Amino acid sequence: MPIQIANESNNSGGGGAGNEIKVKIAYSGEVMITYIDEAITYDGLCREIREICRFGQEQDFTMKWVDEENDPCTIQSDLELDEAIRLYEVNRDSELVIHGESLFYLACRLCQNSK
């Protein structure tokens, strides 16, 4: 169900039908849009992100959502995901923005920066 977009000209706002949340996923210079159920679990979101970003089954990655102050907040549990969804609803945001990053890519960048 993910939809890949090349630019952000599809600014319809509002989100999907029913209890779905529009999620904008940014990874590796691309932006993808998908809709998730508001009751999704952390493991369910990991599966969705893994499929959309084409991560391997054993490939580790991190997810960060962007809060109302544009600060990245790591999602590593159901509790942190629930908080992201709660604030999405409280702030009546049009979408939940999630950044994905491969830990392999992150480790390579950290190694290069330490030299």
PDB file of N, CA and C in Angstrom:
ATOM      1  N   MET A   1       0.767  -1.195   0.000  1.00  0.00           N
ATOM      2  CA  MET A   1       0.000   0.000   0.000  1.00  0.00           C
ATOM      3  C   MET A   1       0.819   1.277   0.000  1.00  0.00           C
ATOM      4  N   PRO A   2       2.152   1.240   0.081  1.00  0.00           N
ATOM      5  CA  PRO A   2       2.894   2.492   0.049  1.00  0.00           C
ATOM      6  C   PRO A   2       2.818   3.138  -1.321  1.00  0.00           C
ATOM      7  N   ILE A   3       2.871   4.436  -1.318  1.00  0.00           N
ATOM      8  CA  ILE A   3       2.869   5.208  -2.548  1.00  0.00           C
ATOM      9  C   ILE A   3       4.158   6.010  -2.566  1.00  0.00           C
ATOM     10  N   GLN A   4       4.961   5.849  -3.596  1.00  0.00           N
ATOM     11  CA  GLN A   4       6.185   6.622  -3.689  1.00  0.00           C
ATOM     12  C   GLN A   4       5.895   7.892  -4.464  1.00  0.00           C
ATOM     13  N   ILE A   5       6.385   9.011  -3.951  1.00  0.00           N
ATOM     14  CA  ILE A   5       6.187  10.267  -4.655  1.00  0.00           C
ATOM     15  C   ILE A   5       7.536  10.914  -4.917  1.00  0.00           C
ATOM     16  N   ALA A   6       7.624  11.635  -6.010  1.00  0.00           N
ATOM     17  CA  ALA A   6       8.871  12.287  -6.370  1.00  0.00           C
ATOM     18  C   ALA A   6       8.967  13.678  -5.765  1.00  0.00           C
ATOM     19  N   ASN A   7       7.842  14.325  -5.579  1.00  0.00           N
ATOM     20  CA  ASN A   7       7.846  15.646  -4.968  1.00  0.00           C
ATOM     21  C   ASN A   7       6.640  15.761  -4.060  1.00  0.00           C
ATOM     22  N   GLU A   8       6.483  16.895  -3.439  1.00  0.00           N
ATOM     23  CA  GLU A   8       5.412  17.052  -2.468  1.00  0.00           C
ATOM     24  C   GLU A   8       4.261  17.889  -3.006  1.00  0.00           C
ATOM     25  N   SER A   9       3.972  17.792  -4.303  1.00  0.00           N
ATOM     26  CA  SER A   9       2.880  18.574  -4.880  1.00  0.00           C
ATOM     27  C   SER A   9       1.514  17.998  -4.545  1.00  0.00           C
ATOM     28  N   ASN A  10       1.467  16.754  -4.042  1.00  0.00           N
ATOM     29  CA  ASN A  10       0.197  16.146  -3.628  1.00  0.00           C
ATOM     30  C   ASN A  10      -0.132  16.587  -2.214  1.00  0.00           C
ATOM     31  N   ASN A  11      -0.495  17.802  -2.017  1.00  0.00           N
ATOM     32  CA  ASN A  11      -0.737  18.324  -0.689  1.00  0.00           C
ATOM     33  C   ASN A  11      -2.226  18.370  -0.400  1.00  0.00           C
ATOM     34  N   SER A  12      -2.839  17.184  -0.296  1.00  0.00           N
ATOM     35  CA  SER A  12      -4.278  17.128  -0.074  1.00  0.00           C
ATOM     36  C   SER A  12      -4.642  17.311   1.387  1.00  0.00           C
ATOM     37  N   GLY A  13      -3.700  16.984   2.317  1.00  0.00           N
ATOM     38  CA  GLY A  13      -3.950  17.139   3.745  1.00  0.00           C
ATOM     39  C   GLY A  13      -4.990  16.161   4.233  1.00  0.00           C
ATOM     40  N   GLY A  14      -5.174  16.093   5.559  1.00  0.00           N
ATOM     41  CA  GLY A  14      -6.249  15.303   6.119  1.00  0.00           C
ATOM     42  C   GLY A  14      -5.921  13.866   6.396  1.00  0.00           C
ATOM     43  N   GLY A  15      -5.269  13.138   5.512  1.00  0.00           N
ATOM     44  CA  GLY A  15      -4.938  11.748   5.752  1.00  0.00           C
ATOM     45  C   GLY A  15      -5.898  10.802   5.090  1.00  0.00           C
ATOM     46  N   GLY A  16      -5.817   9.530   5.464  1.00  0.00           N
ATOM     47  CA  GLY A  16      -6.613   8.487   4.840  1.00  0.00           C
ATOM     48  C   GLY A  16      -7.991   8.374   5.443  1.00  0.00           C
ATOM     49  N   ALA A  17      -8.683   7.311   5.068  1.00  0.00           N
ATOM     50  CA  ALA A  17     -10.048   7.097   5.525  1.00  0.00           C
ATOM     51  C   ALA A  17     -10.059   6.485   6.917  1.00  0.00           C
ATOM     52  N   GLY A  18     -11.126   6.739   7.672  1.00  0.00           N
ATOM     53  CA  GLY A  18     -11.335   6.107   8.963  1.00  0.00           C
ATOM     54  C   GLY A  18     -10.265   6.443   9.979  1.00  0.00           C
ATOM     55  N   ASN A  19      -9.720   5.391  10.619  1.00  0.00           N
ATOM     56  CA  ASN A  19      -8.724   5.563  11.662  1.00  0.00           C
ATOM     57  C   ASN A  19      -7.311   5.422  11.133  1.00  0.00           C
ATOM     58  N   GLU A  20      -7.083   5.838   9.917  1.00  0.00           N
ATOM     59  CA  GLU A  20      -5.748   5.743   9.336  1.00  0.00           C
ATOM     60  C   GLU A  20      -4.997   7.051   9.511  1.00  0.00           C
ATOM     61  N   ILE A  21      -3.684   6.920   9.591  1.00  0.00           N
ATOM     62  CA  ILE A  21      -2.796   8.066   9.716  1.00  0.00           C
ATOM     63  C   ILE A  21      -1.918   8.108   8.482  1.00  0.00           C
ATOM     64  N   LYS A  22      -1.836   9.271   7.874  1.00  0.00           N
ATOM     65  CA  LYS A  22      -0.940   9.451   6.733  1.00  0.00           C
ATOM     66  C   LYS A  22       0.481   9.572   7.274  1.00  0.00           C
ATOM     67  N   VAL A  23       1.380   8.759   6.731  1.00  0.00           N
ATOM     68  CA  VAL A  23       2.772   8.760   7.176  1.00  0.00           C
ATOM     69  C   VAL A  23       3.662   9.098   5.993  1.00  0.00           C
ATOM     70  N   LYS A  24       4.489  10.106   6.179  1.00  0.00           N
ATOM     71  CA  LYS A  24       5.484  10.474   5.169  1.00  0.00           C
ATOM     72  C   LYS A  24       6.819   9.909   5.651  1.00  0.00           C
ATOM     73  N   ILE A  25       7.399   9.016   4.848  1.00  0.00           N
ATOM     74  CA  ILE A  25       8.649   8.351   5.214  1.00  0.00           C
ATOM     75  C   ILE A  25       9.767   8.908   4.347  1.00  0.00           C
ATOM     76  N   ALA A  26      10.791   9.437   4.989  1.00  0.00           N
ATOM     77  CA  ALA A  26      11.959   9.954   4.268  1.00  0.00           C
ATOM     78  C   ALA A  26      13.122   9.001   4.512  1.00  0.00           C
ATOM     79  N   TYR A  27      13.692   8.501   3.410  1.00  0.00           N
ATOM     80  CA  TYR A  27      14.831   7.596   3.525  1.00  0.00           C
ATOM     81  C   TYR A  27      15.671   7.680   2.265  1.00  0.00           C
ATOM     82  N   SER A  28      16.957   7.832   2.425  1.00  0.00           N
ATOM     83  CA  SER A  28      17.914   7.780   1.322  1.00  0.00           C
ATOM     84  C   SER A  28      17.554   8.745   0.187  1.00  0.00           C
ATOM     85  N   GLY A  29      17.135   9.949   0.565  1.00  0.00           N
ATOM     86  CA  GLY A  29      16.820  10.965  -0.427  1.00  0.00           C
ATOM     87  C   GLY A  29      15.465  10.822  -1.092  1.00  0.00           C
ATOM     88  N   GLU A  30      14.683   9.830  -0.707  1.00  0.00           N
ATOM     89  CA  GLU A  30      13.355   9.625  -1.279  1.00  0.00           C
ATOM     90  C   GLU A  30      12.294   9.869  -0.216  1.00  0.00           C
ATOM     91  N   VAL A  31      11.102  10.214  -0.681  1.00  0.00           N
ATOM     92  CA  VAL A  31       9.962  10.396   0.214  1.00  0.00           C
ATOM     93  C   VAL A  31       8.859   9.463  -0.244  1.00  0.00           C
ATOM     94  N   MET A  32       8.356   8.649   0.674  1.00  0.00           N
ATOM     95  CA  MET A  32       7.269   7.728   0.387  1.00  0.00           C
ATOM     96  C   MET A  32       6.101   8.052   1.315  1.00  0.00           C
ATOM     97  N   ILE A  33       4.898   7.827   0.809  1.00  0.00           N
ATOM     98  CA  ILE A  33       3.686   8.043   1.598  1.00  0.00           C
ATOM     99  C   ILE A  33       2.996   6.699   1.787  1.00  0.00           C
ATOM    100  N   THR A  34       2.544   6.443   3.007  1.00  0.00           N
ATOM    101  CA  THR A  34       1.741   5.268   3.287  1.00  0.00           C
ATOM    102  C   THR A  34       0.697   5.664   4.320  1.00  0.00           C
ATOM    103  N   TYR A  35      -0.261   4.797   4.559  1.00  0.00           N
ATOM    104  CA  TYR A  35      -1.264   5.008   5.594  1.00  0.00           C
ATOM    105  C   TYR A  35      -1.191   3.844   6.563  1.00  0.00           C
ATOM    106  N   ILE A  36      -1.194   4.151   7.853  1.00  0.00           N
ATOM    107  CA  ILE A  36      -1.164   3.116   8.884  1.00  0.00           C
ATOM    108  C   ILE A  36      -2.397   3.260   9.760  1.00  0.00           C
ATOM    109  N   ASP A  37      -2.799   2.161  10.366  1.00  0.00           N
ATOM    110  CA  ASP A  37      -3.890   2.178  11.327  1.00  0.00           C
ATOM    111  C   ASP A  37      -3.386   2.850  12.598  1.00  0.00           C
ATOM    112  N   GLU A  38      -4.231   3.650  13.233  1.00  0.00           N
ATOM    113  CA  GLU A  38      -3.788   4.341  14.450  1.00  0.00           C
ATOM    114  C   GLU A  38      -3.465   3.376  15.589  1.00  0.00           C
ATOM    115  N   ALA A  39      -3.918   2.130  15.503  1.00  0.00           N
ATOM    116  CA  ALA A  39      -3.648   1.134  16.541  1.00  0.00           C
ATOM    117  C   ALA A  39      -2.452   0.244  16.194  1.00  0.00           C
ATOM    118  N   ILE A  40      -1.648   0.627  15.207  1.00  0.00           N
ATOM    119  CA  ILE A  40      -0.509  -0.189  14.791  1.00  0.00           C
ATOM    120  C   ILE A  40       0.471  -0.361  15.955  1.00  0.00           C
ATOM    121  N   THR A  41       1.119  -1.503  15.992  1.00  0.00           N
ATOM    122  CA  THR A  41       2.133  -1.751  17.012  1.00  0.00           C
ATOM    123  C   THR A  41       3.500  -1.338  16.476  1.00  0.00           C
ATOM    124  N   TYR A  42       4.458  -1.254  17.370  1.00  0.00           N
ATOM    125  CA  TYR A  42       5.832  -0.943  16.970  1.00  0.00           C
ATOM    126  C   TYR A  42       6.340  -1.987  15.982  1.00  0.00           C
ATOM    127  N   ASP A  43       6.095  -3.271  16.273  1.00  0.00           N
ATOM    128  CA  ASP A  43       6.540  -4.336  15.361  1.00  0.00           C
ATOM    129  C   ASP A  43       5.860  -4.219  14.004  1.00  0.00           C
ATOM    130  N   GLY A  44       4.580  -3.869  13.992  1.00  0.00           N
ATOM    131  CA  GLY A  44       3.862  -3.687  12.734  1.00  0.00           C
ATOM    132  C   GLY A  44       4.428  -2.530  11.927  1.00  0.00           C
ATOM    133  N   LEU A  45       4.759  -1.435  12.598  1.00  0.00           N
ATOM    134  CA  LEU A  45       5.360  -0.296  11.904  1.00  0.00           C
ATOM    135  C   LEU A  45       6.743  -0.664  11.373  1.00  0.00           C
ATOM    136  N   CYS A  46       7.507  -1.421  12.150  1.00  0.00           N
ATOM    137  CA  CYS A  46       8.826  -1.875  11.677  1.00  0.00           C
ATOM    138  C   CYS A  46       8.685  -2.697  10.401  1.00  0.00           C
ATOM    139  N   ARG A  47       7.699  -3.598  10.359  1.00  0.00           N
ATOM    140  CA  ARG A  47       7.482  -4.396   9.146  1.00  0.00           C
ATOM    141  C   ARG A  47       7.138  -3.499   7.956  1.00  0.00           C
ATOM    142  N   GLU A  48       6.277  -2.516   8.189  1.00  0.00           N
ATOM    143  CA  GLU A  48       5.874  -1.592   7.125  1.00  0.00           C
ATOM    144  C   GLU A  48       7.077  -0.787   6.621  1.00  0.00           C
ATOM    145  N   ILE A  49       7.868  -0.252   7.524  1.00  0.00           N
ATOM    146  CA  ILE A  49       9.050   0.538   7.147  1.00  0.00           C
ATOM    147  C   ILE A  49      10.065  -0.347   6.436  1.00  0.00           C
ATOM    148  N   ARG A  50      10.258  -1.564   6.951  1.00  0.00           N
ATOM    149  CA  ARG A  50      11.210  -2.501   6.336  1.00  0.00           C
ATOM    150  C   ARG A  50      10.816  -2.782   4.881  1.00  0.00           C
ATOM    151  N   GLU A  51       9.523  -2.960   4.636  1.00  0.00           N
ATOM    152  CA  GLU A  51       9.040  -3.232   3.278  1.00  0.00           C
ATOM    153  C   GLU A  51       9.191  -2.005   2.379  1.00  0.00           C
ATOM    154  N   ILE A  52       8.786  -0.855   2.874  1.00  0.00           N
ATOM    155  CA  ILE A  52       8.824   0.366   2.072  1.00  0.00           C
ATOM    156  C   ILE A  52      10.253   0.771   1.721  1.00  0.00           C
ATOM    157  N   CYS A  53      11.146   0.700   2.701  1.00  0.00           N
ATOM    158  CA  CYS A  53      12.538   1.124   2.483  1.00  0.00           C
ATOM    159  C   CYS A  53      13.413   0.005   1.928  1.00  0.00           C
ATOM    160  N   ARG A  54      12.817  -1.173   1.772  1.00  0.00           N
ATOM    161  CA  ARG A  54      13.518  -2.343   1.225  1.00  0.00           C
ATOM    162  C   ARG A  54      14.727  -2.749   2.072  1.00  0.00           C
ATOM    163  N   PHE A  55      14.549  -2.705   3.383  1.00  0.00           N
ATOM    164  CA  PHE A  55      15.584  -3.203   4.279  1.00  0.00           C
ATOM    165  C   PHE A  55      15.518  -4.720   4.292  1.00  0.00           C
ATOM    166  N   GLY A  56      16.668  -5.380   4.417  1.00  0.00           N
ATOM    167  CA  GLY A  56      16.698  -6.830   4.552  1.00  0.00           C
ATOM    168  C   GLY A  56      16.128  -7.250   5.899  1.00  0.00           C
ATOM    169  N   GLN A  57      15.737  -8.518   6.004  1.00  0.00           N
ATOM    170  CA  GLN A  57      15.130  -9.023   7.244  1.00  0.00           C
ATOM    171  C   GLN A  57      16.034  -8.836   8.455  1.00  0.00           C
ATOM    172  N   GLU A  58      17.332  -8.968   8.274  1.00  0.00           N
ATOM    173  CA  GLU A  58      18.263  -8.863   9.398  1.00  0.00           C
ATOM    174  C   GLU A  58      18.915  -7.488   9.497  1.00  0.00           C
ATOM    175  N   GLN A  59      18.581  -6.581   8.602  1.00  0.00           N
ATOM    176  CA  GLN A  59      19.210  -5.259   8.595  1.00  0.00           C
ATOM    177  C   GLN A  59      18.605  -4.383   9.686  1.00  0.00           C
ATOM    178  N   ASP A  60      19.461  -3.866  10.549  1.00  0.00           N
ATOM    179  CA  ASP A  60      19.005  -2.969  11.606  1.00  0.00           C
ATOM    180  C   ASP A  60      18.805  -1.569  11.040  1.00  0.00           C
ATOM    181  N   PHE A  61      17.827  -0.859  11.585  1.00  0.00           N
ATOM    182  CA  PHE A  61      17.572   0.515  11.172  1.00  0.00           C
ATOM    183  C   PHE A  61      16.947   1.263  12.336  1.00  0.00           C
ATOM    184  N   THR A  62      16.991   2.571  12.265  1.00  0.00           N
ATOM    185  CA  THR A  62      16.343   3.394  13.277  1.00  0.00           C
ATOM    186  C   THR A  62      15.211   4.177  12.627  1.00  0.00           C
ATOM    187  N   MET A  63      14.201   4.482  13.430  1.00  0.00           N
ATOM    188  CA  MET A  63      13.087   5.320  12.981  1.00  0.00           C
ATOM    189  C   MET A  63      13.015   6.525  13.899  1.00  0.00           C
ATOM    190  N   LYS A  64      12.852   7.683  13.300  1.00  0.00           N
ATOM    191  CA  LYS A  64      12.675   8.902  14.076  1.00  0.00           C
ATOM    192  C   LYS A  64      11.498   9.663  13.493  1.00  0.00           C
ATOM    193  N   TRP A  65      10.613  10.123  14.369  1.00  0.00           N
ATOM    194  CA  TRP A  65       9.527  10.978  13.911  1.00  0.00           C
ATOM    195  C   TRP A  65       9.910  12.412  14.243  1.00  0.00           C
ATOM    196  N   VAL A  66       9.354  13.347  13.520  1.00  0.00           N
ATOM    197  CA  VAL A  66       9.685  14.754  13.698  1.00  0.00           C
ATOM    198  C   VAL A  66       8.547  15.417  14.467  1.00  0.00           C
ATOM    199  N   ASP A  67       8.876  15.974  15.648  1.00  0.00           N
ATOM    200  CA  ASP A  67       7.833  16.571  16.482  1.00  0.00           C
ATOM    201  C   ASP A  67       7.496  17.989  16.022  1.00  0.00           C
ATOM    202  N   GLU A  68       6.594  18.643  16.771  1.00  0.00           N
ATOM    203  CA  GLU A  68       6.109  19.965  16.375  1.00  0.00           C
ATOM    204  C   GLU A  68       7.194  21.041  16.393  1.00  0.00           C
ATOM    205  N   GLU A  69       8.307  20.771  17.064  1.00  0.00           N
ATOM    206  CA  GLU A  69       9.434  21.712  17.085  1.00  0.00           C
ATOM    207  C   GLU A  69      10.518  21.304  16.091  1.00  0.00           C
ATOM    208  N   ASN A  70      10.172  20.372  15.198  1.00  0.00           N
ATOM    209  CA  ASN A  70      11.095  19.830  14.189  1.00  0.00           C
ATOM    210  C   ASN A  70      12.293  19.103  14.792  1.00  0.00           C
ATOM    211  N   ASP A  71      12.113  18.586  16.001  1.00  0.00           N
ATOM    212  CA  ASP A  71      13.157  17.784  16.634  1.00  0.00           C
ATOM    213  C   ASP A  71      12.930  16.317  16.307  1.00  0.00           C
ATOM    214  N   PRO A  72      13.991  15.576  15.958  1.00  0.00           N
ATOM    215  CA  PRO A  72      13.833  14.141  15.706  1.00  0.00           C
ATOM    216  C   PRO A  72      13.709  13.376  17.025  1.00  0.00           C
ATOM    217  N   CYS A  73      12.731  12.493  17.104  1.00  0.00           N
ATOM    218  CA  CYS A  73      12.483  11.684  18.300  1.00  0.00           C
ATOM    219  C   CYS A  73      12.505  10.214  17.889  1.00  0.00           C
ATOM    220  N   THR A  74      13.394   9.454  18.487  1.00  0.00           N
ATOM    221  CA  THR A  74      13.551   8.047  18.122  1.00  0.00           C
ATOM    222  C   THR A  74      12.334   7.238  18.557  1.00  0.00           C
ATOM    223  N   ILE A  75      11.922   6.314  17.694  1.00  0.00           N
ATOM    224  CA  ILE A  75      10.847   5.369  18.013  1.00  0.00           C
ATOM    225  C   ILE A  75      11.488   3.998  18.167  1.00  0.00           C
ATOM    226  N   GLN A  76      11.482   3.468  19.402  1.00  0.00           N
ATOM    227  CA  GLN A  76      12.072   2.162  19.672  1.00  0.00           C
ATOM    228  C   GLN A  76      11.147   1.242  20.456  1.00  0.00           C
ATOM    229  N   SER A  77       9.904   1.671  20.666  1.00  0.00           N
ATOM    230  CA  SER A  77       8.987   0.856  21.463  1.00  0.00           C
ATOM    231  C   SER A  77       7.547   1.251  21.152  1.00  0.00           C
ATOM    232  N   ASP A  78       6.618   0.419  21.623  1.00  0.00           N
ATOM    233  CA  ASP A  78       5.195   0.743  21.480  1.00  0.00           C
ATOM    234  C   ASP A  78       4.867   2.048  22.202  1.00  0.00           C
ATOM    235  N   LEU A  79       5.482   2.264  23.366  1.00  0.00           N
ATOM    236  CA  LEU A  79       5.221   3.475  24.142  1.00  0.00           C
ATOM    237  C   LEU A  79       5.622   4.733  23.362  1.00  0.00           C
ATOM    238  N   GLU A  80       6.794   4.709  22.736  1.00  0.00           N
ATOM    239  CA  GLU A  80       7.251   5.868  21.962  1.00  0.00           C
ATOM    240  C   GLU A  80       6.402   6.071  20.705  1.00  0.00           C
ATOM    241  N   LEU A  81       5.984   4.986  20.074  1.00  0.00           N
ATOM    242  CA  LEU A  81       5.097   5.090  18.914  1.00  0.00           C
ATOM    243  C   LEU A  81       3.742   5.654  19.330  1.00  0.00           C
ATOM    244  N   ASP A  82       3.203   5.175  20.452  1.00  0.00           N
ATOM    245  CA  ASP A  82       1.921   5.686  20.948  1.00  0.00           C
ATOM    246  C   ASP A  82       1.996   7.185  21.228  1.00  0.00           C
ATOM    247  N   GLU A  83       3.121   7.643  21.765  1.00  0.00           N
ATOM    248  CA  GLU A  83       3.293   9.073  22.040  1.00  0.00           C
ATOM    249  C   GLU A  83       3.328   9.877  20.743  1.00  0.00           C
ATOM    250  N   ALA A  84       4.007   9.362  19.725  1.00  0.00           N
ATOM    251  CA  ALA A  84       4.052  10.040  18.423  1.00  0.00           C
ATOM    252  C   ALA A  84       2.645  10.151  17.836  1.00  0.00           C
ATOM    253  N   ILE A  85       1.877   9.074  17.927  1.00  0.00           N
ATOM    254  CA  ILE A  85       0.508   9.078  17.397  1.00  0.00           C
ATOM    255  C   ILE A  85      -0.388   9.997  18.220  1.00  0.00           C
ATOM    256  N   ARG A  86      -0.218   9.975  19.546  1.00  0.00           N
ATOM    257  CA  ARG A  86      -1.018  10.847  20.416  1.00  0.00           C
ATOM    258  C   ARG A  86      -0.784  12.320  20.061  1.00  0.00           C
ATOM    259  N   LEU A  87       0.474  12.710  19.895  1.00  0.00           N
ATOM    260  CA  LEU A  87       0.780  14.102  19.562  1.00  0.00           C
ATOM    261  C   LEU A  87       0.324  14.458  18.150  1.00  0.00           C
ATOM    262  N   TYR A  88       0.395  13.488  17.240  1.00  0.00           N
ATOM    263  CA  TYR A  88      -0.136  13.689  15.886  1.00  0.00           C
ATOM    264  C   TYR A  88      -1.621  14.061  15.975  1.00  0.00           C
ATOM    265  N   GLU A  89      -2.369  13.344  16.826  1.00  0.00           N
ATOM    266  CA  GLU A  89      -3.803  13.590  16.964  1.00  0.00           C
ATOM    267  C   GLU A  89      -4.090  14.885  17.718  1.00  0.00           C
ATOM    268  N   VAL A  90      -3.356  15.132  18.805  1.00  0.00           N
ATOM    269  CA  VAL A  90      -3.561  16.349  19.595  1.00  0.00           C
ATOM    270  C   VAL A  90      -3.290  17.597  18.755  1.00  0.00           C
ATOM    271  N   ASN A  91      -2.220  17.556  17.970  1.00  0.00           N
ATOM    272  CA  ASN A  91      -1.837  18.710  17.151  1.00  0.00           C
ATOM    273  C   ASN A  91      -2.607  18.790  15.835  1.00  0.00           C
ATOM    274  N   ARG A  92      -3.437  17.774  15.585  1.00  0.00           N
ATOM    275  CA  ARG A  92      -4.218  17.706  14.339  1.00  0.00           C
ATOM    276  C   ARG A  92      -3.326  17.870  13.110  1.00  0.00           C
ATOM    277  N   ASP A  93      -2.188  17.171  13.159  1.00  0.00           N
ATOM    278  CA  ASP A  93      -1.250  17.216  12.038  1.00  0.00           C
ATOM    279  C   ASP A  93      -1.850  16.523  10.824  1.00  0.00           C
ATOM    280  N   SER A  94      -1.425  16.937   9.645  1.00  0.00           N
ATOM    281  CA  SER A  94      -1.927  16.317   8.417  1.00  0.00           C
ATOM    282  C   SER A  94      -1.207  15.013   8.123  1.00  0.00           C
ATOM    283  N   GLU A  95      -0.024  14.830   8.733  1.00  0.00           N
ATOM    284  CA  GLU A  95       0.746  13.606   8.499  1.00  0.00           C
ATOM    285  C   GLU A  95       1.749  13.420   9.625  1.00  0.00           C
ATOM    286  N   LEU A  96       2.192  12.194   9.779  1.00  0.00           N
ATOM    287  CA  LEU A  96       3.254  11.857  10.713  1.00  0.00           C
ATOM    288  C   LEU A  96       4.511  11.670   9.871  1.00  0.00           C
ATOM    289  N   VAL A  97       5.553  12.431  10.157  1.00  0.00           N
ATOM    290  CA  VAL A  97       6.790  12.362   9.376  1.00  0.00           C
ATOM    291  C   VAL A  97       7.775  11.454  10.094  1.00  0.00           C
ATOM    292  N   ILE A  98       8.242  10.415   9.374  1.00  0.00           N
ATOM    293  CA  ILE A  98       9.201   9.462   9.938  1.00  0.00           C
ATOM    294  C   ILE A  98      10.424   9.415   9.046  1.00  0.00           C
ATOM    295  N   HIS A  99      11.586   9.496   9.669  1.00  0.00           N
ATOM    296  CA  HIS A  99      12.849   9.351   8.947  1.00  0.00           C
ATOM    297  C   HIS A  99      13.415   7.978   9.279  1.00  0.00           C
ATOM    298  N   GLY A 100      13.812   7.245   8.254  1.00  0.00           N
ATOM    299  CA  GLY A 100      14.444   5.948   8.440  1.00  0.00           C
ATOM    300  C   GLY A 100      15.921   6.061   8.135  1.00  0.00           C
ATOM    301  N   GLU A 101      16.733   5.327   8.873  1.00  0.00           N
ATOM    302  CA  GLU A 101      18.160   5.322   8.598  1.00  0.00           C
ATOM    303  C   GLU A 101      18.715   3.947   8.898  1.00  0.00           C
ATOM    304  N   SER A 102      19.424   3.414   7.924  1.00  0.00           N
ATOM    305  CA  SER A 102      20.088   2.126   8.089  1.00  0.00           C
ATOM    306  C   SER A 102      21.216   2.292   9.088  1.00  0.00           C
ATOM    307  N   LEU A 103      21.325   1.375  10.037  1.00  0.00           N
ATOM    308  CA  LEU A 103      22.412   1.464  11.009  1.00  0.00           C
ATOM    309  C   LEU A 103      23.756   1.217  10.349  1.00  0.00           C
ATOM    310  N   PHE A 104      23.788   0.448   9.264  1.00  0.00           N
ATOM    311  CA  PHE A 104      25.038   0.243   8.533  1.00  0.00           C
ATOM    312  C   PHE A 104      25.514   1.577   7.970  1.00  0.00           C
ATOM    313  N   TYR A 105      24.614   2.330   7.365  1.00  0.00           N
ATOM    314  CA  TYR A 105      24.954   3.637   6.803  1.00  0.00           C
ATOM    315  C   TYR A 105      25.397   4.583   7.911  1.00  0.00           C
ATOM    316  N   LEU A 106      24.693   4.573   9.033  1.00  0.00           N
ATOM    317  CA  LEU A 106      25.036   5.426  10.162  1.00  0.00           C
ATOM    318  C   LEU A 106      26.416   5.065  10.693  1.00  0.00           C
ATOM    319  N   ALA A 107      26.710   3.773  10.825  1.00  0.00           N
ATOM    320  CA  ALA A 107      28.014   3.337  11.327  1.00  0.00           C
ATOM    321  C   ALA A 107      29.125   3.787  10.385  1.00  0.00           C
ATOM    322  N   CYS A 108      28.902   3.701   9.086  1.00  0.00           N
ATOM    323  CA  CYS A 108      29.909   4.144   8.117  1.00  0.00           C
ATOM    324  C   CYS A 108      30.167   5.637   8.252  1.00  0.00           C
ATOM    325  N   ARG A 109      29.112   6.424   8.435  1.00  0.00           N
ATOM    326  CA  ARG A 109      29.279   7.875   8.597  1.00  0.00           C
ATOM    327  C   ARG A 109      30.025   8.187   9.875  1.00  0.00           C
ATOM    328  N   LEU A 110      29.728   7.477  10.958  1.00  0.00           N
ATOM    329  CA  LEU A 110      30.411   7.721  12.227  1.00  0.00           C
ATOM    330  C   LEU A 110      31.889   7.380  12.116  1.00  0.00           C
ATOM    331  N   CYS A 111      32.216   6.291  11.413  1.00  0.00           N
ATOM    332  CA  CYS A 111      33.621   5.918  11.220  1.00  0.00           C
ATOM    333  C   CYS A 111      34.355   7.005  10.441  1.00  0.00           C
ATOM    334  N   GLN A 112      33.740   7.538   9.420  1.00  0.00           N
ATOM    335  CA  GLN A 112      34.377   8.575   8.609  1.00  0.00           C
ATOM    336  C   GLN A 112      34.570   9.854   9.411  1.00  0.00           C
ATOM    337  N   ASN A 113      33.632  10.177  10.274  1.00  0.00           N
ATOM    338  CA  ASN A 113      33.727  11.405  11.067  1.00  0.00           C
ATOM    339  C   ASN A 113      34.762  11.309  12.174  1.00  0.00           C
ATOM    340  N   SER A 114      35.123  10.104  12.601  1.00  0.00           N
ATOM    341  CA  SER A 114      36.071   9.947  13.702  1.00  0.00           C
ATOM    342  C   SER A 114      37.519  10.011  13.241  1.00  0.00           C
ATOM    343  N   LYS A 115      37.741  10.061  11.935  1.00  0.00           N
ATOM    344  CA  LYS A 115      39.117  10.099  11.415  1.00  0.00           C
ATOM    345  C   LYS A 115      39.688  11.489  11.442  1.00  0.00           C
TER     346      LYS A 115
END
